[in-house]
Amino acid sequence: MASLPSILLVATVAALLVVGSCATELTFKVGEGSSSSSLDLVTNVAIFEVEVKEKGAKDWTGLKESSANTWTLKSTAPLKGPFSIRFLVKNGGYRVVDDVIPASFKAGSVYKSGIQLK
């Protein structure tokens, strides 16, 4: 029969493994300041170097981090969705989510990326 200290050790290790493996799905909330020529994105997880690609564009456009987990794109021309998003994660390189923000986005809407991050 196992001793109480060894049972506690096993339970502690198991709990740490469960907590360490928990991941959260990255979401993008369209901020209240968004319009046809401005896009504010608020993420629920810290990401870095956020860029978007508009429908039909060849190149990525960088967003400016305006506060923690809030990224902004201001344009003089109307933005064309759907938007793909490319970003850097702390220990995982770049990720791309195609067409995650629809052309008919609405301020306050939350869009799921399908990507799990720790």
Protein backbone atom coordinates (compact mmCIF):
# COMPACT_ATOMS: atom_id res chain seq x y z
CA MET A 1 0.00 0.00 0.00
CA ALA A 2 1.28 3.48 -0.89
CA SER A 3 2.20 5.90 1.85
CA LEU A 4 0.40 9.21 2.27
CA PRO A 5 3.46 11.30 1.23
CA SER A 6 3.85 9.33 -2.01
CA ILE A 7 0.13 9.69 -2.80
CA LEU A 8 0.38 13.44 -2.21
CA LEU A 9 3.44 13.63 -4.46
CA VAL A 10 1.65 11.82 -7.28
CA ALA A 11 -1.44 14.04 -6.88
CA THR A 12 0.69 17.20 -6.93
CA VAL A 13 2.57 16.15 -10.08
CA ALA A 14 -0.71 15.24 -11.79
CA ALA A 15 -2.22 18.62 -10.88
CA LEU A 16 0.81 20.47 -12.25
CA LEU A 17 0.61 18.56 -15.52
CA VAL A 18 -3.06 19.42 -15.91
CA VAL A 19 -2.53 23.11 -15.13
CA GLY A 20 0.55 23.28 -17.36
CA SER A 21 -1.30 21.78 -20.30
CA CYS A 22 -4.32 24.08 -20.11
CA ALA A 23 -4.66 26.20 -23.19
CA THR A 24 -7.02 28.97 -24.17
CA GLU A 25 -8.43 29.55 -27.62
CA LEU A 26 -7.22 32.87 -29.00
CA THR A 27 -10.09 35.22 -29.79
CA PHE A 28 -10.23 38.59 -31.50
CA LYS A 29 -12.79 41.12 -30.27
CA VAL A 30 -13.49 44.00 -32.62
CA GLY A 31 -13.12 47.16 -30.57
CA GLU A 32 -15.72 49.90 -30.28
CA GLY A 33 -13.49 52.33 -32.22
CA SER A 34 -13.64 50.19 -35.36
CA SER A 35 -15.18 51.53 -38.56
CA SER A 36 -14.90 51.11 -42.32
CA SER A 37 -11.40 52.66 -42.19
CA SER A 38 -10.22 51.61 -38.73
CA LEU A 39 -9.86 48.23 -37.11
CA ASP A 40 -9.25 47.75 -33.38
CA LEU A 41 -8.63 44.20 -32.23
CA VAL A 42 -8.53 43.10 -28.60
CA THR A 43 -7.08 39.66 -27.90
CA ASN A 44 -7.73 37.50 -24.86
CA VAL A 45 -4.15 36.17 -24.91
CA ALA A 46 -0.89 38.10 -25.31
CA ILE A 47 0.43 37.95 -28.88
CA PHE A 48 3.04 40.03 -30.67
CA GLU A 49 3.73 41.62 -34.08
CA VAL A 50 0.13 41.51 -35.28
CA GLU A 51 -0.46 42.01 -39.01
CA VAL A 52 -3.54 41.77 -41.21
CA LYS A 53 -4.04 41.01 -44.85
CA GLU A 54 -7.10 42.47 -46.49
CA LYS A 55 -9.06 40.59 -49.12
CA GLY A 56 -7.09 40.54 -52.36
CA ALA A 57 -3.97 42.13 -50.84
CA LYS A 58 -0.53 40.75 -51.59
CA ASP A 59 1.17 42.15 -48.50
CA TRP A 60 0.61 42.12 -44.76
CA THR A 61 -0.03 45.40 -42.91
CA GLY A 62 1.25 45.81 -39.37
CA LEU A 63 -1.06 46.89 -36.56
CA LYS A 64 0.07 49.20 -33.80
CA GLU A 65 -0.27 48.02 -30.21
CA SER A 66 -2.19 50.80 -28.47
CA SER A 67 -2.50 49.14 -25.06
CA ALA A 68 -2.11 45.65 -23.62
CA ASN A 69 -3.62 43.13 -26.04
CA THR A 70 -5.17 45.89 -28.19
CA TRP A 71 -4.03 46.31 -31.79
CA THR A 72 -5.08 49.11 -34.16
CA LEU A 73 -5.05 49.66 -37.91
CA LYS A 74 -5.97 53.10 -39.26
CA SER A 75 -6.41 53.59 -42.98
CA THR A 76 -7.23 56.52 -45.27
CA ALA A 77 -9.13 54.15 -47.56
CA PRO A 78 -11.97 51.78 -46.67
CA LEU A 79 -10.75 48.42 -45.35
CA LYS A 80 -11.65 45.31 -47.35
CA GLY A 81 -12.47 42.13 -45.46
CA PRO A 82 -12.44 39.35 -44.76
CA PHE A 83 -9.16 39.79 -42.90
CA SER A 84 -6.48 37.20 -42.31
CA ILE A 85 -4.29 37.75 -39.26
CA ARG A 86 -0.63 36.84 -38.78
CA PHE A 87 1.00 37.14 -35.38
CA LEU A 88 3.94 36.01 -33.28
CA VAL A 89 3.47 33.90 -30.16
CA LYS A 90 5.98 33.92 -27.32
CA ASN A 91 7.45 30.44 -27.83
CA GLY A 92 5.88 29.25 -31.04
CA GLY A 93 6.86 31.38 -34.02
CA TYR A 94 4.37 32.95 -36.37
CA ARG A 95 0.79 31.77 -36.79
CA VAL A 96 -1.73 32.70 -39.47
CA VAL A 97 -5.51 32.62 -39.22
CA ASP A 98 -7.14 33.01 -42.61
CA ASP A 99 -10.32 35.08 -43.02
CA VAL A 100 -10.95 35.25 -39.26
CA ILE A 101 -12.56 38.72 -39.30
CA PRO A 102 -15.41 38.91 -41.83
CA ALA A 103 -15.99 41.83 -44.19
CA SER A 104 -19.19 42.64 -42.32
CA PHE A 105 -17.50 42.85 -38.89
CA LYS A 106 -19.33 44.65 -36.11
CA ALA A 107 -17.81 46.44 -33.13
CA GLY A 108 -18.12 44.29 -30.03
CA SER A 109 -18.16 41.00 -31.96
CA VAL A 110 -15.77 38.23 -30.92
CA TYR A 111 -14.22 35.92 -33.51
CA LYS A 112 -12.54 32.62 -32.60
CA SER A 113 -9.21 31.76 -34.16
CA GLY A 114 -9.27 28.01 -33.66
CA ILE A 115 -5.73 28.27 -32.21
CA GLN A 116 -5.04 27.15 -28.65
CA LEU A 117 -2.39 29.13 -26.78
CA LYS A 118 -0.98 28.83 -23.26
